[in-house]
C-alpha atoms as a PDB file:
ATOM      1  CA  MET A   1       0.000   0.000   0.000  1.00  0.00           C
ATOM      2  CA  SER A   2       1.080   3.562  -0.572  1.00  0.00           C
ATOM      3  CA  ASN A   3       1.386   6.202   2.150  1.00  0.00           C
ATOM      4  CA  GLN A   4       2.414   3.994   5.041  1.00  0.00           C
ATOM      5  CA  LYS A   5       1.759   6.589   7.757  1.00  0.00           C
ATOM      6  CA  LYS A   6      -0.872   4.235   9.052  1.00  0.00           C
ATOM      7  CA  GLY A   7       0.458   0.917   7.850  1.00  0.00           C
ATOM      8  CA  SER A   8       2.760  -0.132  10.692  1.00  0.00           C
ATOM      9  CA  ASN A   9       1.545  -1.466  14.014  1.00  0.00           C
ATOM     10  CA  PRO A  10       0.822   1.493  16.306  1.00  0.00           C
ATOM     11  CA  SER A  11       2.472   1.528  19.719  1.00  0.00           C
ATOM     12  CA  SER A  12       0.523   1.249  22.955  1.00  0.00           C
ATOM     13  CA  ALA A  13       1.479   4.854  23.643  1.00  0.00           C
ATOM     14  CA  LYS A  14      -0.328   5.925  20.486  1.00  0.00           C
ATOM     15  CA  PHE A  15      -3.474   4.173  21.637  1.00  0.00           C
ATOM     16  CA  ILE A  16      -3.257   5.879  25.030  1.00  0.00           C
ATOM     17  CA  PHE A  17      -3.053   9.149  23.109  1.00  0.00           C
ATOM     18  CA  TRP A  18      -6.255   8.229  21.249  1.00  0.00           C
ATOM     19  CA  VAL A  19      -8.137   7.847  24.520  1.00  0.00           C
ATOM     20  CA  VAL A  20      -6.710  11.000  26.103  1.00  0.00           C
ATOM     21  CA  SER A  21      -7.330  12.990  22.925  1.00  0.00           C
ATOM     22  CA  PHE A  22     -10.922  11.809  22.716  1.00  0.00           C
ATOM     23  CA  VAL A  23     -11.676  12.779  26.321  1.00  0.00           C
ATOM     24  CA  ALA A  24     -10.030  16.159  25.766  1.00  0.00           C
ATOM     25  CA  VAL A  25     -12.023  17.067  22.703  1.00  0.00           C
ATOM     26  CA  MET A  26     -15.246  15.928  24.335  1.00  0.00           C
ATOM     27  CA  THR A  27     -14.502  18.399  27.144  1.00  0.00           C
ATOM     28  CA  ILE A  28     -13.524  21.258  24.862  1.00  0.00           C
ATOM     29  CA  GLY A  29     -16.485  20.879  22.541  1.00  0.00           C
ATOM     30  CA  PHE A  30     -14.689  22.203  19.440  1.00  0.00           C
ATOM     31  CA  ILE A  31     -13.457  18.917  18.081  1.00  0.00           C
ATOM     32  CA  PHE A  32     -11.224  20.249  15.354  1.00  0.00           C
ATOM     33  CA  LEU A  33      -9.237  22.299  17.874  1.00  0.00           C
ATOM     34  CA  ALA A  34      -7.469  19.113  19.010  1.00  0.00           C
ATOM     35  CA  PRO A  35      -7.264  16.780  16.028  1.00  0.00           C
ATOM     36  CA  HIS A  36      -5.839  13.275  16.064  1.00  0.00           C
ATOM     37  CA  LYS A  37      -2.193  13.634  15.117  1.00  0.00           C
ATOM     38  CA  SER A  38      -0.493  11.685  12.384  1.00  0.00           C
ATOM     39  CA  GLN A  39       2.861  10.106  13.129  1.00  0.00           C
ATOM     40  CA  SER A  40       4.624  11.694  10.165  1.00  0.00           C
ATOM     41  CA  THR A  41       8.062  13.119  10.873  1.00  0.00           C
ATOM     42  CA  THR A  42       8.180  15.119   7.650  1.00  0.00           C
ATOM     43  CA  SER A  43       8.800  18.828   8.142  1.00  0.00           C
ATOM     44  CA  PRO A  44       6.037  21.162   6.964  1.00  0.00           C
ATOM     45  CA  LYS A  45       6.499  22.306   3.395  1.00  0.00           C
ATOM     46  CA  VAL A  46       3.607  24.764   3.018  1.00  0.00           C
ATOM     47  CA  GLU A  47       1.985  27.399   5.193  1.00  0.00           C
ATOM     48  CA  SER A  48      -1.652  26.430   4.839  1.00  0.00           C
ATOM     49  CA  ASN A  49      -1.941  25.411   8.505  1.00  0.00           C
ATOM     50  CA  THR A  50      -1.166  28.972   9.517  1.00  0.00           C
ATOM     51  CA  GLY A  51      -4.203  30.216   7.656  1.00  0.00           C
ATOM     52  CA  LYS A  52      -1.998  32.678   5.778  1.00  0.00           C
ATOM     53  CA  SER A  53      -2.220  31.023   2.391  1.00  0.00           C
ATOM     54  CA  SER A  54      -4.837  29.236   0.343  1.00  0.00           C
ATOM     55  CA  ALA A  55      -4.359  26.411  -2.097  1.00  0.00           C
ATOM     56  CA  LYS A  56      -5.931  25.756  -5.446  1.00  0.00           C
ATOM     57  CA  ILE A  57      -7.996  22.634  -4.845  1.00  0.00           C
ATOM     58  CA  ASP A  58      -9.607  20.292  -7.345  1.00  0.00           C
ATOM     59  CA  TYR A  59     -13.060  19.525  -5.933  1.00  0.00           C
ATOM     60  CA  THR A  60     -14.237  17.435  -8.870  1.00  0.00           C
ATOM     61  CA  HIS A  61     -15.388  13.886  -8.139  1.00  0.00           C
ATOM     62  CA  GLU A  62     -15.424  14.530  -4.384  1.00  0.00           C
ATOM     63  CA  PRO A  63     -18.461  13.742  -2.197  1.00  0.00           C
ATOM     64  CA  PHE A  64     -20.187  16.824  -0.844  1.00  0.00           C
ATOM     65  CA  MET A  65     -23.416  17.984   0.739  1.00  0.00           C
ATOM     66  CA  GLY A  66     -25.182  21.213  -0.132  1.00  0.00           C
ATOM     67  CA  LYS A  67     -26.008  23.138  -3.275  1.00  0.00           C
ATOM     68  CA  SER A  68     -23.503  22.888  -6.103  1.00  0.00           C
ATOM     69  CA  SER A  69     -23.943  26.651  -6.573  1.00  0.00           C
ATOM     70  CA  ALA A  70     -22.876  27.468  -2.995  1.00  0.00           C
ATOM     71  CA  PRO A  71     -20.024  30.014  -3.161  1.00  0.00           C
ATOM     72  CA  VAL A  72     -17.830  28.580  -0.379  1.00  0.00           C
ATOM     73  CA  SER A  73     -16.209  25.153  -0.091  1.00  0.00           C
ATOM     74  CA  ILE A  74     -15.589  23.558   3.306  1.00  0.00           C
ATOM     75  CA  ILE A  75     -13.455  20.434   3.555  1.00  0.00           C
ATOM     76  CA  GLU A  76     -13.369  18.024   6.467  1.00  0.00           C
ATOM     77  CA  PHE A  77     -10.333  15.750   6.459  1.00  0.00           C
ATOM     78  CA  GLY A  78     -11.127  12.617   8.430  1.00  0.00           C
ATOM     79  CA  ASP A  79     -10.212   9.030   9.240  1.00  0.00           C
ATOM     80  CA  TYR A  80     -13.014   6.529   9.859  1.00  0.00           C
ATOM     81  CA  LYS A  81     -11.081   5.039  12.799  1.00  0.00           C
ATOM     82  CA  CYS A  82     -10.651   8.417  14.510  1.00  0.00           C
ATOM     83  CA  PRO A  83     -12.883   8.834  17.624  1.00  0.00           C
ATOM     84  CA  ALA A  84     -12.654  12.632  17.391  1.00  0.00           C
ATOM     85  CA  CYS A  85     -13.924  12.429  13.799  1.00  0.00           C
ATOM     86  CA  LYS A  86     -16.911  10.413  14.977  1.00  0.00           C
ATOM     87  CA  ASN A  87     -17.601  13.040  17.611  1.00  0.00           C
ATOM     88  CA  LEU A  88     -17.286  15.801  15.015  1.00  0.00           C
ATOM     89  CA  ASN A  89     -19.758  13.980  12.768  1.00  0.00           C
ATOM     90  CA  GLU A  90     -22.256  13.657  15.603  1.00  0.00           C
ATOM     91  CA  LYS A  91     -21.810  16.962  17.442  1.00  0.00           C
ATOM     92  CA  VAL A  92     -20.466  19.587  15.038  1.00  0.00           C
ATOM     93  CA  ILE A  93     -21.385  18.608  11.482  1.00  0.00           C
ATOM     94  CA  PRO A  94     -25.148  19.014  12.186  1.00  0.00           C
ATOM     95  CA  THR A  95     -24.495  22.653  13.140  1.00  0.00           C
ATOM     96  CA  ILE A  96     -22.392  23.206  10.023  1.00  0.00           C
ATOM     97  CA  LYS A  97     -25.146  21.662   7.909  1.00  0.00           C
ATOM     98  CA  GLN A  98     -27.869  23.798   9.497  1.00  0.00           C
ATOM     99  CA  GLU A  99     -26.104  27.155   9.661  1.00  0.00           C
ATOM    100  CA  LEU A 100     -23.787  27.085   6.652  1.00  0.00           C
ATOM    101  CA  VAL A 101     -24.878  24.382   4.199  1.00  0.00           C
ATOM    102  CA  ALA A 102     -28.681  24.594   4.385  1.00  0.00           C
ATOM    103  CA  THR A 103     -28.477  28.381   4.061  1.00  0.00           C
ATOM    104  CA  GLY A 104     -26.732  28.010   0.698  1.00  0.00           C
ATOM    105  CA  LYS A 105     -23.517  29.666   1.858  1.00  0.00           C
ATOM    106  CA  ALA A 106     -21.273  26.632   1.607  1.00  0.00           C
ATOM    107  CA  LYS A 107     -20.773  23.102   0.337  1.00  0.00           C
ATOM    108  CA  LEU A 108     -19.267  20.571   2.759  1.00  0.00           C
ATOM    109  CA  TYR A 109     -16.802  18.057   1.325  1.00  0.00           C
ATOM    110  CA  PHE A 110     -15.374  14.997   3.038  1.00  0.00           C
ATOM    111  CA  MET A 111     -11.840  13.982   2.097  1.00  0.00           C
ATOM    112  CA  ASN A 112      -9.724  11.162   3.466  1.00  0.00           C
ATOM    113  CA  TYR A 113      -6.652  11.372   5.625  1.00  0.00           C
ATOM    114  CA  SER A 114      -6.161   7.663   6.360  1.00  0.00           C
ATOM    115  CA  PHE A 115      -3.211   7.270   8.713  1.00  0.00           C
ATOM    116  CA  ILE A 116      -4.276   5.448  11.871  1.00  0.00           C
ATOM    117  CA  TYR A 117      -4.078   1.836  10.672  1.00  0.00           C
ATOM    118  CA  THR A 118      -4.384  -0.336   7.576  1.00  0.00           C
ATOM    119  CA  ASP A 119      -8.168  -0.530   7.809  1.00  0.00           C
ATOM    120  CA  SER A 120      -8.311   3.268   7.775  1.00  0.00           C
ATOM    121  CA  GLU A 121      -7.216   3.060   4.160  1.00  0.00           C
ATOM    122  CA  ARG A 122      -9.516   0.125   3.422  1.00  0.00           C
ATOM    123  CA  SER A 123     -12.607   1.868   4.776  1.00  0.00           C
ATOM    124  CA  ALA A 124     -11.729   5.082   2.924  1.00  0.00           C
ATOM    125  CA  LYS A 125     -11.346   3.267  -0.383  1.00  0.00           C
ATOM    126  CA  PHE A 126     -14.573   1.359   0.200  1.00  0.00           C
ATOM    127  CA  ALA A 127     -16.393   4.647   0.844  1.00  0.00           C
ATOM    128  CA  GLU A 128     -14.845   6.077  -2.324  1.00  0.00           C
ATOM    129  CA  SER A 129     -16.216   3.026  -4.151  1.00  0.00           C
ATOM    130  CA  VAL A 130     -19.684   3.721  -2.780  1.00  0.00           C
ATOM    131  CA  TYR A 131     -19.490   7.284  -4.040  1.00  0.00           C
ATOM    132  CA  ALA A 132     -18.149   6.315  -7.472  1.00  0.00           C
ATOM    133  CA  VAL A 133     -20.733   3.584  -8.058  1.00  0.00           C
ATOM    134  CA  LEU A 134     -23.833   4.850  -6.257  1.00  0.00           C
ATOM    135  CA  GLY A 135     -23.343   8.596  -5.945  1.00  0.00           C
ATOM    136  CA  ASN A 136     -23.560  11.285  -3.318  1.00  0.00           C
ATOM    137  CA  LYS A 137     -26.729  10.236  -1.480  1.00  0.00           C
ATOM    138  CA  ALA A 138     -25.599   6.654  -0.888  1.00  0.00           C
ATOM    139  CA  PHE A 139     -22.130   7.843   0.117  1.00  0.00           C
ATOM    140  CA  TRP A 140     -23.403  10.058   2.927  1.00  0.00           C
ATOM    141  CA  LYS A 141     -25.701   7.335   4.269  1.00  0.00           C
ATOM    142  CA  PHE A 142     -22.793   4.908   4.369  1.00  0.00           C
ATOM    143  CA  HIS A 143     -20.426   7.557   5.744  1.00  0.00           C
ATOM    144  CA  ASP A 144     -22.715   8.402   8.667  1.00  0.00           C
ATOM    145  CA  LEU A 145     -23.477   4.753   9.443  1.00  0.00           C
ATOM    146  CA  LEU A 146     -19.792   3.864   9.409  1.00  0.00           C
ATOM    147  CA  TYR A 147     -19.121   6.467  12.079  1.00  0.00           C
ATOM    148  CA  GLN A 148     -22.147   5.323  14.071  1.00  0.00           C
ATOM    149  CA  LYS A 149     -20.784   1.777  14.079  1.00  0.00           C
ATOM    150  CA  GLN A 150     -17.297   2.826  15.196  1.00  0.00           C
ATOM    151  CA  PRO A 151     -16.679   0.817  18.396  1.00  0.00           C
ATOM    152  CA  ASP A 152     -16.007   2.790  21.560  1.00  0.00           C
ATOM    153  CA  SER A 153     -13.222   0.335  22.406  1.00  0.00           C
ATOM    154  CA  GLN A 154     -11.761   0.110  18.912  1.00  0.00           C
ATOM    155  CA  TYR A 155      -8.247   0.800  20.164  1.00  0.00           C
ATOM    156  CA  GLU A 156      -8.336  -2.724  21.616  1.00  0.00           C
ATOM    157  CA  LYS A 157      -8.817  -4.224  18.150  1.00  0.00           C
ATOM    158  CA  MET A 158      -6.643  -3.148  15.274  1.00  0.00           C
ATOM    159  CA  ASP A 159      -8.201  -4.395  12.060  1.00  0.00           C
ATOM    160  CA  ILE A 160     -11.934  -3.909  12.636  1.00  0.00           C
ATOM    161  CA  TYR A 161     -12.957  -2.491   9.247  1.00  0.00           C
ATOM    162  CA  THR A 162     -12.645  -5.689   7.263  1.00  0.00           C
ATOM    163  CA  GLU A 163     -14.254  -5.992   3.851  1.00  0.00           C
ATOM    164  CA  LYS A 164     -17.015  -8.093   5.434  1.00  0.00           C
ATOM    165  CA  PHE A 165     -17.670  -5.387   8.040  1.00  0.00           C
ATOM    166  CA  LEU A 166     -17.812  -2.718   5.347  1.00  0.00           C
ATOM    167  CA  THR A 167     -20.025  -4.828   3.090  1.00  0.00           C
ATOM    168  CA  ASP A 168     -22.427  -5.639   5.936  1.00  0.00           C
ATOM    169  CA  THR A 169     -22.598  -1.953   6.813  1.00  0.00           C
ATOM    170  CA  LEU A 170     -23.410  -0.982   3.233  1.00  0.00           C
ATOM    171  CA  LYS A 171     -26.195  -3.598   3.138  1.00  0.00           C
ATOM    172  CA  LYS A 172     -28.018  -1.524   5.750  1.00  0.00           C
ATOM    173  CA  VAL A 173     -28.459   1.404   3.352  1.00  0.00           C
ATOM    174  CA  VAL A 174     -28.595   0.025  -0.210  1.00  0.00           C
ATOM    175  CA  SER A 175     -29.837  -3.056  -2.070  1.00  0.00           C
ATOM    176  CA  GLU A 176     -27.937  -6.334  -2.457  1.00  0.00           C
ATOM    177  CA  ALA A 177     -27.489  -5.596  -6.151  1.00  0.00           C
ATOM    178  CA  ASP A 178     -25.900  -2.222  -5.398  1.00  0.00           C
ATOM    179  CA  VAL A 179     -23.670  -3.756  -2.749  1.00  0.00           C
ATOM    180  CA  LYS A 180     -22.389  -6.255  -5.300  1.00  0.00           C
ATOM    181  CA  LYS A 181     -21.525  -3.450  -7.736  1.00  0.00           C
ATOM    182  CA  VAL A 182     -19.603  -1.560  -5.057  1.00  0.00           C
ATOM    183  CA  VAL A 183     -17.689  -4.644  -3.925  1.00  0.00           C
ATOM    184  CA  GLU A 184     -16.663  -5.417  -7.509  1.00  0.00           C
ATOM    185  CA  TYR A 185     -15.438  -1.839  -7.965  1.00  0.00           C
ATOM    186  CA  PHE A 186     -13.545  -1.964  -4.672  1.00  0.00           C
ATOM    187  CA  ASP A 187     -11.985  -5.376  -5.334  1.00  0.00           C
ATOM    188  CA  ALA A 188     -10.761  -4.145  -8.726  1.00  0.00           C
ATOM    189  CA  ASN A 189      -8.858  -1.340  -6.913  1.00  0.00           C
ATOM    190  CA  LYS A 190     -10.721   1.277  -8.926  1.00  0.00           C
ATOM    191  CA  ALA A 191     -11.045   3.584  -5.914  1.00  0.00           C
ATOM    192  CA  ASP A 192      -7.292   3.837  -5.388  1.00  0.00           C
ATOM    193  CA  ALA A 193      -6.836   6.940  -7.540  1.00  0.00           C
ATOM    194  CA  ALA A 194      -9.598   8.894  -5.778  1.00  0.00           C
ATOM    195  CA  TRP A 195      -8.135   7.987  -2.392  1.00  0.00           C
ATOM    196  CA  GLN A 196      -4.635   8.958  -3.496  1.00  0.00           C
ATOM    197  CA  LYS A 197      -5.942  12.309  -4.723  1.00  0.00           C
ATOM    198  CA  ASP A 198      -7.125  13.067  -1.179  1.00  0.00           C
ATOM    199  CA  MET A 199      -3.843  11.944   0.341  1.00  0.00           C
ATOM    200  CA  ASP A 200      -1.891  14.121  -2.075  1.00  0.00           C
ATOM    201  CA  LEU A 201      -3.991  17.105  -1.006  1.00  0.00           C
ATOM    202  CA  VAL A 202      -3.239  16.260   2.625  1.00  0.00           C
ATOM    203  CA  LYS A 203       0.451  16.773   1.839  1.00  0.00           C
ATOM    204  CA  GLN A 204      -0.219  19.903  -0.185  1.00  0.00           C
ATOM    205  CA  LEU A 205      -2.140  21.532   2.670  1.00  0.00           C
ATOM    206  CA  ASN A 206       0.171  20.173   5.381  1.00  0.00           C
ATOM    207  CA  VAL A 207      -2.695  18.509   7.250  1.00  0.00           C
ATOM    208  CA  ASN A 208      -1.229  16.788  10.308  1.00  0.00           C
ATOM    209  CA  GLY A 209      -4.244  15.380  12.131  1.00  0.00           C
ATOM    210  CA  THR A 210      -7.924  14.516  11.988  1.00  0.00           C
ATOM    211  CA  PRO A 211     -10.442  15.981  11.975  1.00  0.00           C
ATOM    212  CA  THR A 212      -9.175  19.123  10.252  1.00  0.00           C
ATOM    213  CA  ILE A 213     -11.385  21.735   8.585  1.00  0.00           C
ATOM    214  CA  PHE A 214     -10.492  24.030   5.682  1.00  0.00           C
ATOM    215  CA  VAL A 215     -12.505  26.861   4.130  1.00  0.00           C
ATOM    216  CA  ASN A 216     -11.557  27.620   0.531  1.00  0.00           C
ATOM    217  CA  GLY A 217      -8.108  26.152   1.197  1.00  0.00           C
ATOM    218  CA  LYS A 218      -7.494  27.911   4.514  1.00  0.00           C
ATOM    219  CA  LEU A 219      -7.417  26.281   7.929  1.00  0.00           C
ATOM    220  CA  ALA A 220     -10.314  26.907  10.346  1.00  0.00           C
ATOM    221  CA  LYS A 221      -9.326  26.425  13.985  1.00  0.00           C
ATOM    222  CA  THR A 222     -12.615  26.923  15.860  1.00  0.00           C
ATOM    223  CA  MET A 223     -16.318  26.963  15.120  1.00  0.00           C
ATOM    224  CA  ASP A 224     -16.423  30.763  15.311  1.00  0.00           C
ATOM    225  CA  ASP A 225     -13.405  30.896  13.017  1.00  0.00           C
ATOM    226  CA  LEU A 226     -15.192  28.618  10.561  1.00  0.00           C
ATOM    227  CA  LYS A 227     -18.386  30.695  10.519  1.00  0.00           C
ATOM    228  CA  ASN A 228     -16.494  33.970  10.119  1.00  0.00           C
ATOM    229  CA  MET A 229     -14.387  32.580   7.289  1.00  0.00           C
ATOM    230  CA  VAL A 230     -17.456  31.285   5.446  1.00  0.00           C
ATOM    231  CA  ASP A 231     -19.302  34.575   5.858  1.00  0.00           C
ATOM    232  CA  LYS A 232     -16.302  36.556   4.633  1.00  0.00           C
ATOM    233  CA  ALA A 233     -15.670  34.238   1.668  1.00  0.00           C
ATOM    234  CA  ALA A 234     -19.344  34.274   0.680  1.00  0.00           C
ATOM    235  CA  LYS A 235     -19.360  38.085   0.589  1.00  0.00           C
ATOM    236  CA  GLU A 236     -16.266  38.140  -1.597  1.00  0.00           C
ATOM    237  CA  LYS A 237     -17.875  36.008  -4.295  1.00  0.00           C
END
């Protein structure tokens, strides 16, 4: 597999960090203030995490919610094994959807930063297969259900997102015939390019943890920061 940030066996210390990080973000309330950190030792190459620069981003063939005509693009970078990402999906995304997406100000994209373990990459590619084969609506149903089914004690079990787990999860939201189409696409490795596109953007923007939120290529650090950036960007269009 490419991008082995998440491919080696994590240490017990890393798993302790998961638990501590999760409790911390639950207390703070603004999940993307304290994202799960990747274990990359590469020095930063761009300044996007400072919020001082924006990047030109290719949003084509990426799952999103909202009106295609919305003037502002929000990206959430996430890992399906990340507890803080699950919490973001349950506690923060509904507010973003209600106040920024439903109002027509912004589109919300989900892009993969799969670094925690090997099944992070597998689940991301399976979700990309769902999007490619069945489209936006099916993707978001699967996406939300996958986070709902994330075990609270997942740090005790490494490889939980097996193909069977992913297939069984998809069966809850689409027909058997559609599941078969997705599995065939996934098994043929046709989702690899879409996943790699996200991972390349992770490097371009210097994303170093999950969840991380960007507005038109600039980092948002808090919920107030996010709202202000969207409002400002919408007025500039």
